[in-house]
C-alpha atoms as a PDB file:
ATOM      1  CA  MET A   1       5.817 -46.613  -2.178  1.00  0.00           C
ATOM      2  CA  HIS A   2       3.054 -44.753  -4.168  1.00  0.00           C
ATOM      3  CA  ALA A   3       2.097 -41.126  -3.477  1.00  0.00           C
ATOM      4  CA  ALA A   4      -0.488 -38.853  -4.925  1.00  0.00           C
ATOM      5  CA  ALA A   5      -1.703 -35.314  -4.312  1.00  0.00           C
ATOM      6  CA  LEU A   6      -5.424 -34.478  -4.785  1.00  0.00           C
ATOM      7  CA  ARG A   7      -6.806 -31.001  -5.684  1.00  0.00           C
ATOM      8  CA  LEU A   8     -10.389 -30.786  -4.607  1.00  0.00           C
ATOM      9  CA  GLU A   9     -12.442 -27.799  -5.730  1.00  0.00           C
ATOM     10  CA  ILE A  10     -15.557 -27.453  -3.621  1.00  0.00           C
ATOM     11  CA  ARG A  11     -18.524 -25.054  -3.251  1.00  0.00           C
ATOM     12  CA  LEU A  12     -20.086 -24.347   0.196  1.00  0.00           C
ATOM     13  CA  PRO A  13     -23.614 -23.257  -0.748  1.00  0.00           C
ATOM     14  CA  GLY A  14     -24.890 -22.723   2.691  1.00  0.00           C
ATOM     15  CA  VAL A  15     -22.082 -20.462   3.921  1.00  0.00           C
ATOM     16  CA  ARG A  16     -22.597 -16.820   4.291  1.00  0.00           C
ATOM     17  CA  SER A  17     -19.371 -15.641   5.787  1.00  0.00           C
ATOM     18  CA  LEU A  18     -15.644 -16.401   5.971  1.00  0.00           C
ATOM     19  CA  LYS A  19     -16.116 -17.373   9.609  1.00  0.00           C
ATOM     20  CA  ALA A  20     -18.786 -19.908   8.660  1.00  0.00           C
ATOM     21  CA  LYS A  21     -16.697 -21.146   5.910  1.00  0.00           C
ATOM     22  CA  ARG A  22     -13.661 -21.680   8.240  1.00  0.00           C
ATOM     23  CA  ARG A  23     -15.981 -23.581  10.680  1.00  0.00           C
ATOM     24  CA  VAL A  24     -17.069 -25.976   7.950  1.00  0.00           C
ATOM     25  CA  LEU A  25     -13.610 -26.449   6.513  1.00  0.00           C
ATOM     26  CA  LYS A  26     -12.218 -27.180   9.771  1.00  0.00           C
ATOM     27  CA  ALA A  27     -14.648 -29.865  10.562  1.00  0.00           C
ATOM     28  CA  LEU A  28     -14.275 -31.308   7.056  1.00  0.00           C
ATOM     29  CA  MET A  29     -10.413 -31.329   7.115  1.00  0.00           C
ATOM     30  CA  GLY A  30     -10.554 -32.831  10.654  1.00  0.00           C
ATOM     31  CA  THR A  31     -12.800 -35.601   9.371  1.00  0.00           C
ATOM     32  CA  LEU A  32     -10.525 -36.369   6.411  1.00  0.00           C
ATOM     33  CA  GLY A  33      -7.476 -36.392   8.561  1.00  0.00           C
ATOM     34  CA  THR A  34      -9.015 -38.631  11.229  1.00  0.00           C
ATOM     35  CA  THR A  35     -10.746 -41.098   8.838  1.00  0.00           C
ATOM     36  CA  PHE A  36      -7.833 -41.571   6.394  1.00  0.00           C
ATOM     37  CA  PRO A  37      -4.098 -41.509   6.529  1.00  0.00           C
ATOM     38  CA  VAL A  38      -3.814 -38.281   4.695  1.00  0.00           C
ATOM     39  CA  ALA A  39      -2.674 -34.488   5.060  1.00  0.00           C
ATOM     40  CA  VAL A  40      -5.135 -31.881   4.256  1.00  0.00           C
ATOM     41  CA  GLY A  41      -4.959 -28.113   3.815  1.00  0.00           C
ATOM     42  CA  GLU A  42      -6.900 -25.306   2.231  1.00  0.00           C
ATOM     43  CA  VAL A  43      -4.778 -24.109  -0.782  1.00  0.00           C
ATOM     44  CA  GLY A  44      -7.088 -21.875  -2.789  1.00  0.00           C
ATOM     45  CA  PHE A  45     -10.026 -19.386  -2.753  1.00  0.00           C
ATOM     46  CA  GLN A  46      -9.181 -18.397   0.919  1.00  0.00           C
ATOM     47  CA  ASP A  47     -10.826 -15.000   0.415  1.00  0.00           C
ATOM     48  CA  GLN A  48     -14.195 -16.241  -1.036  1.00  0.00           C
ATOM     49  CA  TRP A  49     -17.079 -17.365   1.069  1.00  0.00           C
ATOM     50  CA  GLN A  50     -18.534 -20.230  -0.822  1.00  0.00           C
ATOM     51  CA  ARG A  51     -15.565 -21.631  -2.725  1.00  0.00           C
ATOM     52  CA  ALA A  52     -12.381 -23.543  -1.587  1.00  0.00           C
ATOM     53  CA  THR A  53      -9.710 -25.743  -2.992  1.00  0.00           C
ATOM     54  CA  LEU A  54      -8.389 -28.456  -0.704  1.00  0.00           C
ATOM     55  CA  GLY A  55      -5.079 -30.161  -1.193  1.00  0.00           C
ATOM     56  CA  VAL A  56      -4.806 -33.763   0.158  1.00  0.00           C
ATOM     57  CA  ALA A  57      -1.454 -35.687   0.259  1.00  0.00           C
ATOM     58  CA  MET A  58      -1.430 -39.445   0.417  1.00  0.00           C
ATOM     59  CA  VAL A  59       0.939 -42.268   0.504  1.00  0.00           C
ATOM     60  CA  ALA A  60       0.227 -46.095   0.194  1.00  0.00           C
ATOM     61  CA  PRO A  61       2.356 -49.031  -0.129  1.00  0.00           C
ATOM     62  CA  GLN A  62       0.639 -50.489  -3.274  1.00  0.00           C
ATOM     63  CA  ALA A  63      -0.925 -48.566  -6.129  1.00  0.00           C
ATOM     64  CA  GLY A  64      -4.238 -50.368  -5.620  1.00  0.00           C
ATOM     65  CA  HIS A  65      -4.517 -49.219  -2.078  1.00  0.00           C
ATOM     66  CA  LEU A  66      -3.692 -45.683  -3.255  1.00  0.00           C
ATOM     67  CA  GLU A  67      -6.594 -45.625  -5.748  1.00  0.00           C
ATOM     68  CA  ARG A  68      -8.978 -47.035  -3.061  1.00  0.00           C
ATOM     69  CA  LEU A  69      -7.855 -44.230  -0.972  1.00  0.00           C
ATOM     70  CA  ILE A  70      -8.447 -41.550  -3.617  1.00  0.00           C
ATOM     71  CA  LEU A  71     -11.965 -42.973  -4.316  1.00  0.00           C
ATOM     72  CA  ALA A  72     -12.843 -43.048  -0.665  1.00  0.00           C
ATOM     73  CA  VAL A  73     -11.654 -39.439   0.014  1.00  0.00           C
ATOM     74  CA  THR A  74     -13.716 -38.140  -2.972  1.00  0.00           C
ATOM     75  CA  ARG A  75     -16.821 -40.157  -1.995  1.00  0.00           C
ATOM     76  CA  LEU A  76     -16.680 -38.746   1.514  1.00  0.00           C
ATOM     77  CA  LEU A  77     -16.701 -35.229  -0.039  1.00  0.00           C
ATOM     78  CA  ARG A  78     -19.611 -36.169  -2.481  1.00  0.00           C
ATOM     79  CA  GLU A  79     -21.685 -37.367   0.480  1.00  0.00           C
ATOM     80  CA  HIS A  80     -20.979 -34.480   2.802  1.00  0.00           C
ATOM     81  CA  ALA A  81     -24.148 -32.491   3.180  1.00  0.00           C
ATOM     82  CA  GLU A  82     -22.497 -28.961   3.303  1.00  0.00           C
ATOM     83  CA  VAL A  83     -20.215 -29.620   0.440  1.00  0.00           C
ATOM     84  CA  GLU A  84     -20.628 -29.726  -3.403  1.00  0.00           C
ATOM     85  CA  LEU A  85     -17.661 -31.277  -4.940  1.00  0.00           C
ATOM     86  CA  LEU A  86     -16.975 -29.347  -8.306  1.00  0.00           C
ATOM     87  CA  GLU A  87     -13.665 -30.816  -9.577  1.00  0.00           C
ATOM     88  CA  VAL A  88     -11.068 -33.358  -8.543  1.00  0.00           C
ATOM     89  CA  GLY A  89      -7.474 -33.245  -9.920  1.00  0.00           C
ATOM     90  CA  VAL A  90      -5.094 -36.000  -9.111  1.00  0.00           C
ATOM     91  CA  SER A  91      -1.179 -35.777  -9.396  1.00  0.00           C
ATOM     92  CA  TYR A  92       0.879 -38.904  -8.952  1.00  0.00           C
ATOM     93  CA  LEU A  93       4.487 -38.980  -7.566  1.00  0.00           C
ATOM     94  CA  GLU A  94       6.662 -41.077  -9.841  1.00  0.00           C
ATOM     95  CA  GLU A  95       9.344 -43.343  -8.221  1.00  0.00           C
ATOM     96  CA  ARG A  96      12.876 -43.176  -9.780  1.00  0.00           C
END
């Protein structure tokens, strides 16, 4: 089993209120959760309109599958019209 956690720093340039931010994030997290076998949550910048940090947890049977999943998730964010991906951090869970 291979597991990773992604930290995705994003900017939402078209958002003008926290209510609008929540609408965009809810749709984005829903898309990620239904498209990929991941768990997603907002983990930072909750009080800022145009910034957010998303945490994404993922598990895969092989390391190669996990890497493809990481690339697919980041690609989806890069291609999303309402989102500017600023930074991606990856933490891997080590087996013992």
